[in-house]
Amino acid sequence: MKILIIRHAKVNHVWKKWCTSSEFDEQCSMYDTASVDTSPLNPLMCDASDIYISKLIRTYYTARKMFGDEKFTRTSLIMGYQVP
């Protein structure tokens, strides 16, 4: 069995330098839904039989760029928190 762990691509979000707690929550939400910069990524040839990714949209876009049209299983089991 081979396990490949890949972090998502760079997120296109500029964090505010200072914010209140409610603004921070808003910034986190914006970060979680922001697009990613996949331009420097190259397709990855991998003989994995199953590819698991988190439910965050940035991991989906990263995986599509790296693995093309492969089937992915999206799961919240590999995240630090739950995404609805």
PDB file of N, CA and C in Angstrom:
ATOM      1  N   MET A   1       0.842  -1.168   0.000  1.00  0.00           N
ATOM      2  CA  MET A   1       0.000   0.000   0.000  1.00  0.00           C
ATOM      3  C   MET A   1       0.893   1.239   0.000  1.00  0.00           C
ATOM      4  N   LYS A   2       0.558   2.194  -0.848  1.00  0.00           N
ATOM      5  CA  LYS A   2       1.267   3.462  -0.886  1.00  0.00           C
ATOM      6  C   LYS A   2       0.336   4.559  -0.395  1.00  0.00           C
ATOM      7  N   ILE A   3       0.865   5.427   0.438  1.00  0.00           N
ATOM      8  CA  ILE A   3       0.087   6.552   0.935  1.00  0.00           C
ATOM      9  C   ILE A   3       0.811   7.822   0.520  1.00  0.00           C
ATOM     10  N   LEU A   4       0.088   8.701  -0.119  1.00  0.00           N
ATOM     11  CA  LEU A   4       0.633   9.973  -0.576  1.00  0.00           C
ATOM     12  C   LEU A   4      -0.174  11.076   0.083  1.00  0.00           C
ATOM     13  N   ILE A   5       0.508  11.949   0.818  1.00  0.00           N
ATOM     14  CA  ILE A   5      -0.164  13.056   1.482  1.00  0.00           C
ATOM     15  C   ILE A   5       0.274  14.342   0.799  1.00  0.00           C
ATOM     16  N   ILE A   6      -0.703  15.099   0.326  1.00  0.00           N
ATOM     17  CA  ILE A   6      -0.425  16.340  -0.382  1.00  0.00           C
ATOM     18  C   ILE A   6      -1.218  17.459   0.270  1.00  0.00           C
ATOM     19  N   ARG A   7      -0.562  18.531   0.550  1.00  0.00           N
ATOM     20  CA  ARG A   7      -1.256  19.707   1.070  1.00  0.00           C
ATOM     21  C   ARG A   7      -1.842  20.469  -0.114  1.00  0.00           C
ATOM     22  N   HIS A   8      -2.887  21.217   0.111  1.00  0.00           N
ATOM     23  CA  HIS A   8      -3.524  21.976  -0.955  1.00  0.00           C
ATOM     24  C   HIS A   8      -2.590  23.040  -1.517  1.00  0.00           C
ATOM     25  N   ALA A   9      -2.925  23.532  -2.698  1.00  0.00           N
ATOM     26  CA  ALA A   9      -2.164  24.598  -3.340  1.00  0.00           C
ATOM     27  C   ALA A   9      -2.332  25.910  -2.562  1.00  0.00           C
ATOM     28  N   LYS A  10      -1.559  26.913  -2.936  1.00  0.00           N
ATOM     29  CA  LYS A  10      -1.617  28.218  -2.277  1.00  0.00           C
ATOM     30  C   LYS A  10      -3.015  28.810  -2.432  1.00  0.00           C
ATOM     31  N   VAL A  11      -3.569  29.234  -1.321  1.00  0.00           N
ATOM     32  CA  VAL A  11      -4.916  29.804  -1.301  1.00  0.00           C
ATOM     33  C   VAL A  11      -4.849  31.282  -1.683  1.00  0.00           C
ATOM     34  N   ASN A  12      -5.734  31.693  -2.583  1.00  0.00           N
ATOM     35  CA  ASN A  12      -5.793  33.095  -3.021  1.00  0.00           C
ATOM     36  C   ASN A  12      -6.602  33.923  -2.018  1.00  0.00           C
ATOM     37  N   HIS A  13      -5.990  34.183  -0.889  1.00  0.00           N
ATOM     38  CA  HIS A  13      -6.643  34.980   0.155  1.00  0.00           C
ATOM     39  C   HIS A  13      -5.572  35.775   0.891  1.00  0.00           C
ATOM     40  N   VAL A  14      -5.844  37.050   1.078  1.00  0.00           N
ATOM     41  CA  VAL A  14      -4.940  37.908   1.847  1.00  0.00           C
ATOM     42  C   VAL A  14      -5.593  38.160   3.203  1.00  0.00           C
ATOM     43  N   TRP A  15      -4.932  37.675   4.253  1.00  0.00           N
ATOM     44  CA  TRP A  15      -5.465  37.828   5.604  1.00  0.00           C
ATOM     45  C   TRP A  15      -5.347  39.275   6.060  1.00  0.00           C
ATOM     46  N   LYS A  16      -6.359  39.751   6.765  1.00  0.00           N
ATOM     47  CA  LYS A  16      -6.279  41.065   7.391  1.00  0.00           C
ATOM     48  C   LYS A  16      -5.204  41.005   8.477  1.00  0.00           C
ATOM     49  N   LYS A  17      -4.508  42.101   8.660  1.00  0.00           N
ATOM     50  CA  LYS A  17      -3.440  42.153   9.673  1.00  0.00           C
ATOM     51  C   LYS A  17      -4.005  42.166  11.089  1.00  0.00           C
ATOM     52  N   TRP A  18      -5.177  42.748  11.260  1.00  0.00           N
ATOM     53  CA  TRP A  18      -5.810  42.816  12.567  1.00  0.00           C
ATOM     54  C   TRP A  18      -7.305  42.707  12.369  1.00  0.00           C
ATOM     55  N   CYS A  19      -7.970  41.951  13.249  1.00  0.00           N
ATOM     56  CA  CYS A  19      -9.429  41.857  13.151  1.00  0.00           C
ATOM     57  C   CYS A  19     -10.025  41.448  14.490  1.00  0.00           C
ATOM     58  N   THR A  20     -11.293  41.759  14.648  1.00  0.00           N
ATOM     59  CA  THR A  20     -12.019  41.344  15.834  1.00  0.00           C
ATOM     60  C   THR A  20     -12.306  39.841  15.716  1.00  0.00           C
ATOM     61  N   SER A  21     -12.872  39.266  16.749  1.00  0.00           N
ATOM     62  CA  SER A  21     -13.151  37.827  16.695  1.00  0.00           C
ATOM     63  C   SER A  21     -14.177  37.497  15.613  1.00  0.00           C
ATOM     64  N   SER A  22     -15.188  38.344  15.446  1.00  0.00           N
ATOM     65  CA  SER A  22     -16.180  38.074  14.404  1.00  0.00           C
ATOM     66  C   SER A  22     -15.572  38.281  13.012  1.00  0.00           C
ATOM     67  N   GLU A  23     -14.687  39.264  12.875  1.00  0.00           N
ATOM     68  CA  GLU A  23     -13.996  39.456  11.593  1.00  0.00           C
ATOM     69  C   GLU A  23     -13.064  38.284  11.293  1.00  0.00           C
ATOM     70  N   PHE A  24     -12.447  37.742  12.333  1.00  0.00           N
ATOM     71  CA  PHE A  24     -11.589  36.568  12.146  1.00  0.00           C
ATOM     72  C   PHE A  24     -12.406  35.380  11.651  1.00  0.00           C
ATOM     73  N   ASP A  25     -13.585  35.171  12.244  1.00  0.00           N
ATOM     74  CA  ASP A  25     -14.466  34.100  11.770  1.00  0.00           C
ATOM     75  C   ASP A  25     -14.808  34.296  10.300  1.00  0.00           C
ATOM     76  N   GLU A  26     -15.079  35.542   9.926  1.00  0.00           N
ATOM     77  CA  GLU A  26     -15.399  35.862   8.539  1.00  0.00           C
ATOM     78  C   GLU A  26     -14.182  35.595   7.636  1.00  0.00           C
ATOM     79  N   GLN A  27     -12.998  35.971   8.100  1.00  0.00           N
ATOM     80  CA  GLN A  27     -11.776  35.728   7.331  1.00  0.00           C
ATOM     81  C   GLN A  27     -11.545  34.223   7.131  1.00  0.00           C
ATOM     82  N   CYS A  28     -11.780  33.443   8.166  1.00  0.00           N
ATOM     83  CA  CYS A  28     -11.624  31.984   8.059  1.00  0.00           C
ATOM     84  C   CYS A  28     -12.599  31.412   7.031  1.00  0.00           C
ATOM     85  N   SER A  29     -13.824  31.895   7.053  1.00  0.00           N
ATOM     86  CA  SER A  29     -14.823  31.444   6.089  1.00  0.00           C
ATOM     87  C   SER A  29     -14.407  31.819   4.670  1.00  0.00           C
ATOM     88  N   MET A  30     -13.904  33.028   4.497  1.00  0.00           N
ATOM     89  CA  MET A  30     -13.443  33.469   3.181  1.00  0.00           C
ATOM     90  C   MET A  30     -12.261  32.625   2.711  1.00  0.00           C
ATOM     91  N   TYR A  31     -11.357  32.299   3.633  1.00  0.00           N
ATOM     92  CA  TYR A  31     -10.202  31.463   3.303  1.00  0.00           C
ATOM     93  C   TYR A  31     -10.659  30.073   2.852  1.00  0.00           C
ATOM     94  N   ASP A  32     -11.632  29.517   3.563  1.00  0.00           N
ATOM     95  CA  ASP A  32     -12.108  28.169   3.257  1.00  0.00           C
ATOM     96  C   ASP A  32     -12.830  28.072   1.918  1.00  0.00           C
ATOM     97  N   THR A  33     -13.340  29.183   1.410  1.00  0.00           N
ATOM     98  CA  THR A  33     -14.054  29.155   0.139  1.00  0.00           C
ATOM     99  C   THR A  33     -13.282  29.826  -1.000  1.00  0.00           C
ATOM    100  N   ALA A  34     -12.077  30.299  -0.715  1.00  0.00           N
ATOM    101  CA  ALA A  34     -11.278  30.989  -1.739  1.00  0.00           C
ATOM    102  C   ALA A  34     -10.741  29.996  -2.764  1.00  0.00           C
ATOM    103  N   SER A  35     -10.438  30.518  -3.928  1.00  0.00           N
ATOM    104  CA  SER A  35      -9.826  29.694  -4.974  1.00  0.00           C
ATOM    105  C   SER A  35      -8.358  29.429  -4.620  1.00  0.00           C
ATOM    106  N   VAL A  36      -7.735  28.546  -5.368  1.00  0.00           N
ATOM    107  CA  VAL A  36      -6.320  28.249  -5.147  1.00  0.00           C
ATOM    108  C   VAL A  36      -5.534  28.522  -6.419  1.00  0.00           C
ATOM    109  N   ASP A  37      -4.253  28.788  -6.248  1.00  0.00           N
ATOM    110  CA  ASP A  37      -3.366  29.034  -7.384  1.00  0.00           C
ATOM    111  C   ASP A  37      -2.728  27.703  -7.783  1.00  0.00           C
ATOM    112  N   THR A  38      -3.287  27.081  -8.800  1.00  0.00           N
ATOM    113  CA  THR A  38      -2.757  25.787  -9.242  1.00  0.00           C
ATOM    114  C   THR A  38      -1.763  25.936 -10.387  1.00  0.00           C
ATOM    115  N   SER A  39      -1.458  27.177 -10.778  1.00  0.00           N
ATOM    116  CA  SER A  39      -0.571  27.384 -11.932  1.00  0.00           C
ATOM    117  C   SER A  39       0.809  26.745 -11.777  1.00  0.00           C
ATOM    118  N   PRO A  40       1.417  26.728 -10.576  1.00  0.00           N
ATOM    119  CA  PRO A  40       2.744  26.099 -10.497  1.00  0.00           C
ATOM    120  C   PRO A  40       2.705  24.575 -10.345  1.00  0.00           C
ATOM    121  N   LEU A  41       1.517  23.987 -10.225  1.00  0.00           N
ATOM    122  CA  LEU A  41       1.416  22.544 -10.009  1.00  0.00           C
ATOM    123  C   LEU A  41       1.546  21.783 -11.318  1.00  0.00           C
ATOM    124  N   ASN A  42       2.165  20.647 -11.256  1.00  0.00           N
ATOM    125  CA  ASN A  42       2.283  19.760 -12.409  1.00  0.00           C
ATOM    126  C   ASN A  42       1.405  18.540 -12.191  1.00  0.00           C
ATOM    127  N   PRO A  43       0.863  17.978 -13.270  1.00  0.00           N
ATOM    128  CA  PRO A  43       0.117  16.723 -13.111  1.00  0.00           C
ATOM    129  C   PRO A  43       1.011  15.661 -12.486  1.00  0.00           C
ATOM    130  N   LEU A  44       0.445  14.825 -11.659  1.00  0.00           N
ATOM    131  CA  LEU A  44       1.194  13.802 -10.950  1.00  0.00           C
ATOM    132  C   LEU A  44       0.744  12.438 -11.430  1.00  0.00           C
ATOM    133  N   MET A  45       1.676  11.646 -11.857  1.00  0.00           N
ATOM    134  CA  MET A  45       1.367  10.286 -12.274  1.00  0.00           C
ATOM    135  C   MET A  45       1.485   9.401 -11.032  1.00  0.00           C
ATOM    136  N   CYS A  46       0.414   8.761 -10.687  1.00  0.00           N
ATOM    137  CA  CYS A  46       0.390   7.966  -9.467  1.00  0.00           C
ATOM    138  C   CYS A  46      -0.421   6.706  -9.728  1.00  0.00           C
ATOM    139  N   ASP A  47       0.034   5.598  -9.223  1.00  0.00           N
ATOM    140  CA  ASP A  47      -0.685   4.346  -9.432  1.00  0.00           C
ATOM    141  C   ASP A  47      -1.593   4.010  -8.250  1.00  0.00           C
ATOM    142  N   ALA A  48      -2.095   5.043  -7.595  1.00  0.00           N
ATOM    143  CA  ALA A  48      -2.978   4.827  -6.452  1.00  0.00           C
ATOM    144  C   ALA A  48      -4.311   4.265  -6.923  1.00  0.00           C
ATOM    145  N   SER A  49      -4.815   3.291  -6.199  1.00  0.00           N
ATOM    146  CA  SER A  49      -6.113   2.725  -6.556  1.00  0.00           C
ATOM    147  C   SER A  49      -7.256   3.584  -6.007  1.00  0.00           C
ATOM    148  N   ASP A  50      -7.004   4.291  -4.921  1.00  0.00           N
ATOM    149  CA  ASP A  50      -8.007   5.166  -4.312  1.00  0.00           C
ATOM    150  C   ASP A  50      -7.348   6.482  -3.930  1.00  0.00           C
ATOM    151  N   ILE A  51      -8.053   7.568  -4.157  1.00  0.00           N
ATOM    152  CA  ILE A  51      -7.546   8.878  -3.780  1.00  0.00           C
ATOM    153  C   ILE A  51      -8.567   9.514  -2.852  1.00  0.00           C
ATOM    154  N   TYR A  52      -8.132   9.853  -1.656  1.00  0.00           N
ATOM    155  CA  TYR A  52      -8.997  10.470  -0.665  1.00  0.00           C
ATOM    156  C   TYR A  52      -8.565  11.915  -0.477  1.00  0.00           C
ATOM    157  N   ILE A  53      -9.550  12.805  -0.469  1.00  0.00           N
ATOM    158  CA  ILE A  53      -9.262  14.217  -0.238  1.00  0.00           C
ATOM    159  C   ILE A  53     -10.246  14.755   0.792  1.00  0.00           C
ATOM    160  N   SER A  54      -9.878  15.872   1.418  1.00  0.00           N
ATOM    161  CA  SER A  54     -10.800  16.471   2.382  1.00  0.00           C
ATOM    162  C   SER A  54     -11.975  17.092   1.643  1.00  0.00           C
ATOM    163  N   LYS A  55     -12.948  17.550   2.388  1.00  0.00           N
ATOM    164  CA  LYS A  55     -14.134  18.148   1.785  1.00  0.00           C
ATOM    165  C   LYS A  55     -13.942  19.619   1.425  1.00  0.00           C
ATOM    166  N   LEU A  56     -12.795  20.179   1.746  1.00  0.00           N
ATOM    167  CA  LEU A  56     -12.547  21.572   1.403  1.00  0.00           C
ATOM    168  C   LEU A  56     -12.383  21.710  -0.100  1.00  0.00           C
ATOM    169  N   ILE A  57     -12.962  22.764  -0.653  1.00  0.00           N
ATOM    170  CA  ILE A  57     -12.941  22.958  -2.095  1.00  0.00           C
ATOM    171  C   ILE A  57     -11.520  23.135  -2.621  1.00  0.00           C
ATOM    172  N   ARG A  58     -10.636  23.712  -1.803  1.00  0.00           N
ATOM    173  CA  ARG A  58      -9.254  23.912  -2.263  1.00  0.00           C
ATOM    174  C   ARG A  58      -8.532  22.593  -2.480  1.00  0.00           C
ATOM    175  N   THR A  59      -8.862  21.581  -1.706  1.00  0.00           N
ATOM    176  CA  THR A  59      -8.211  20.287  -1.924  1.00  0.00           C
ATOM    177  C   THR A  59      -8.745  19.625  -3.187  1.00  0.00           C
ATOM    178  N   TYR A  60     -10.017  19.859  -3.494  1.00  0.00           N
ATOM    179  CA  TYR A  60     -10.589  19.314  -4.726  1.00  0.00           C
ATOM    180  C   TYR A  60      -9.893  19.923  -5.945  1.00  0.00           C
ATOM    181  N   TYR A  61      -9.756  21.254  -5.970  1.00  0.00           N
ATOM    182  CA  TYR A  61      -9.100  21.911  -7.105  1.00  0.00           C
ATOM    183  C   TYR A  61      -7.637  21.491  -7.229  1.00  0.00           C
ATOM    184  N   THR A  62      -6.975  21.329  -6.104  1.00  0.00           N
ATOM    185  CA  THR A  62      -5.583  20.878  -6.127  1.00  0.00           C
ATOM    186  C   THR A  62      -5.489  19.465  -6.690  1.00  0.00           C
ATOM    187  N   ALA A  63      -6.363  18.578  -6.225  1.00  0.00           N
ATOM    188  CA  ALA A  63      -6.351  17.191  -6.701  1.00  0.00           C
ATOM    189  C   ALA A  63      -6.673  17.100  -8.184  1.00  0.00           C
ATOM    190  N   ARG A  64      -7.638  17.911  -8.656  1.00  0.00           N
ATOM    191  CA  ARG A  64      -7.977  17.905 -10.087  1.00  0.00           C
ATOM    192  C   ARG A  64      -6.777  18.307 -10.933  1.00  0.00           C
ATOM    193  N   LYS A  65      -6.032  19.293 -10.474  1.00  0.00           N
ATOM    194  CA  LYS A  65      -4.858  19.749 -11.219  1.00  0.00           C
ATOM    195  C   LYS A  65      -3.778  18.671 -11.218  1.00  0.00           C
ATOM    196  N   MET A  66      -3.617  17.985 -10.103  1.00  0.00           N
ATOM    197  CA  MET A  66      -2.538  17.012  -9.983  1.00  0.00           C
ATOM    198  C   MET A  66      -2.871  15.646 -10.564  1.00  0.00           C
ATOM    199  N   PHE A  67      -4.129  15.236 -10.461  1.00  0.00           N
ATOM    200  CA  PHE A  67      -4.500  13.884 -10.877  1.00  0.00           C
ATOM    201  C   PHE A  67      -5.462  13.838 -12.062  1.00  0.00           C
ATOM    202  N   GLY A  68      -5.857  14.993 -12.568  1.00  0.00           N
ATOM    203  CA  GLY A  68      -6.755  15.018 -13.724  1.00  0.00           C
ATOM    204  C   GLY A  68      -8.144  14.513 -13.386  1.00  0.00           C
ATOM    205  N   ASP A  69      -8.666  13.641 -14.230  1.00  0.00           N
ATOM    206  CA  ASP A  69     -10.044  13.168 -14.094  1.00  0.00           C
ATOM    207  C   ASP A  69     -10.207  11.945 -13.200  1.00  0.00           C
ATOM    208  N   GLU A  70      -9.223  11.661 -12.376  1.00  0.00           N
ATOM    209  CA  GLU A  70      -9.339  10.515 -11.466  1.00  0.00           C
ATOM    210  C   GLU A  70     -10.538  10.693 -10.542  1.00  0.00           C
ATOM    211  N   LYS A  71     -11.058   9.584 -10.056  1.00  0.00           N
ATOM    212  CA  LYS A  71     -12.164   9.624  -9.090  1.00  0.00           C
ATOM    213  C   LYS A  71     -11.571   9.888  -7.703  1.00  0.00           C
ATOM    214  N   PHE A  72     -12.226  10.779  -6.979  1.00  0.00           N
ATOM    215  CA  PHE A  72     -11.795  11.113  -5.625  1.00  0.00           C
ATOM    216  C   PHE A  72     -12.894  10.763  -4.637  1.00  0.00           C
ATOM    217  N   THR A  73     -12.486  10.389  -3.448  1.00  0.00           N
ATOM    218  CA  THR A  73     -13.428  10.208  -2.352  1.00  0.00           C
ATOM    219  C   THR A  73     -13.218  11.373  -1.408  1.00  0.00           C
ATOM    220  N   ARG A  74     -14.255  12.217  -1.287  1.00  0.00           N
ATOM    221  CA  ARG A  74     -14.164  13.363  -0.388  1.00  0.00           C
ATOM    222  C   ARG A  74     -14.644  12.937   0.992  1.00  0.00           C
ATOM    223  N   THR A  75     -13.838  13.229   2.007  1.00  0.00           N
ATOM    224  CA  THR A  75     -14.167  12.819   3.364  1.00  0.00           C
ATOM    225  C   THR A  75     -13.719  13.874   4.366  1.00  0.00           C
ATOM    226  N   SER A  76     -14.466  14.011   5.436  1.00  0.00           N
ATOM    227  CA  SER A  76     -14.083  14.924   6.516  1.00  0.00           C
ATOM    228  C   SER A  76     -13.202  14.213   7.544  1.00  0.00           C
ATOM    229  N   LEU A  77     -12.942  12.936   7.337  1.00  0.00           N
ATOM    230  CA  LEU A  77     -12.132  12.168   8.286  1.00  0.00           C
ATOM    231  C   LEU A  77     -10.660  12.590   8.308  1.00  0.00           C
ATOM    232  N   ILE A  78     -10.212  13.295   7.276  1.00  0.00           N
ATOM    233  CA  ILE A  78      -8.806  13.704   7.231  1.00  0.00           C
ATOM    234  C   ILE A  78      -8.649  15.208   7.452  1.00  0.00           C
ATOM    235  N   MET A  79      -9.614  15.786   8.128  1.00  0.00           N
ATOM    236  CA  MET A  79      -9.575  17.208   8.437  1.00  0.00           C
ATOM    237  C   MET A  79      -9.516  17.414   9.947  1.00  0.00           C
ATOM    238  N   GLY A  80      -9.069  18.599  10.327  1.00  0.00           N
ATOM    239  CA  GLY A  80      -9.005  18.924  11.744  1.00  0.00           C
ATOM    240  C   GLY A  80     -10.347  19.365  12.299  1.00  0.00           C
ATOM    241  N   TYR A  81     -11.312  19.625  11.408  1.00  0.00           N
ATOM    242  CA  TYR A  81     -12.650  20.061  11.825  1.00  0.00           C
ATOM    243  C   TYR A  81     -13.658  19.640  10.777  1.00  0.00           C
ATOM    244  N   GLN A  82     -14.912  19.732  11.090  1.00  0.00           N
ATOM    245  CA  GLN A  82     -15.969  19.283  10.186  1.00  0.00           C
ATOM    246  C   GLN A  82     -16.419  20.411   9.270  1.00  0.00           C
ATOM    247  N   VAL A  83     -16.605  20.090   8.000  1.00  0.00           N
ATOM    248  CA  VAL A  83     -17.170  21.024   7.032  1.00  0.00           C
ATOM    249  C   VAL A  83     -18.570  20.532   6.709  1.00  0.00           C
ATOM    250  N   PRO A  84     -19.557  21.410   6.781  1.00  0.00           N
ATOM    251  CA  PRO A  84     -20.934  20.976   6.505  1.00  0.00           C
ATOM    252  C   PRO A  84     -21.119  20.452   5.095  1.00  0.00           C
TER     253      PRO A  84
END
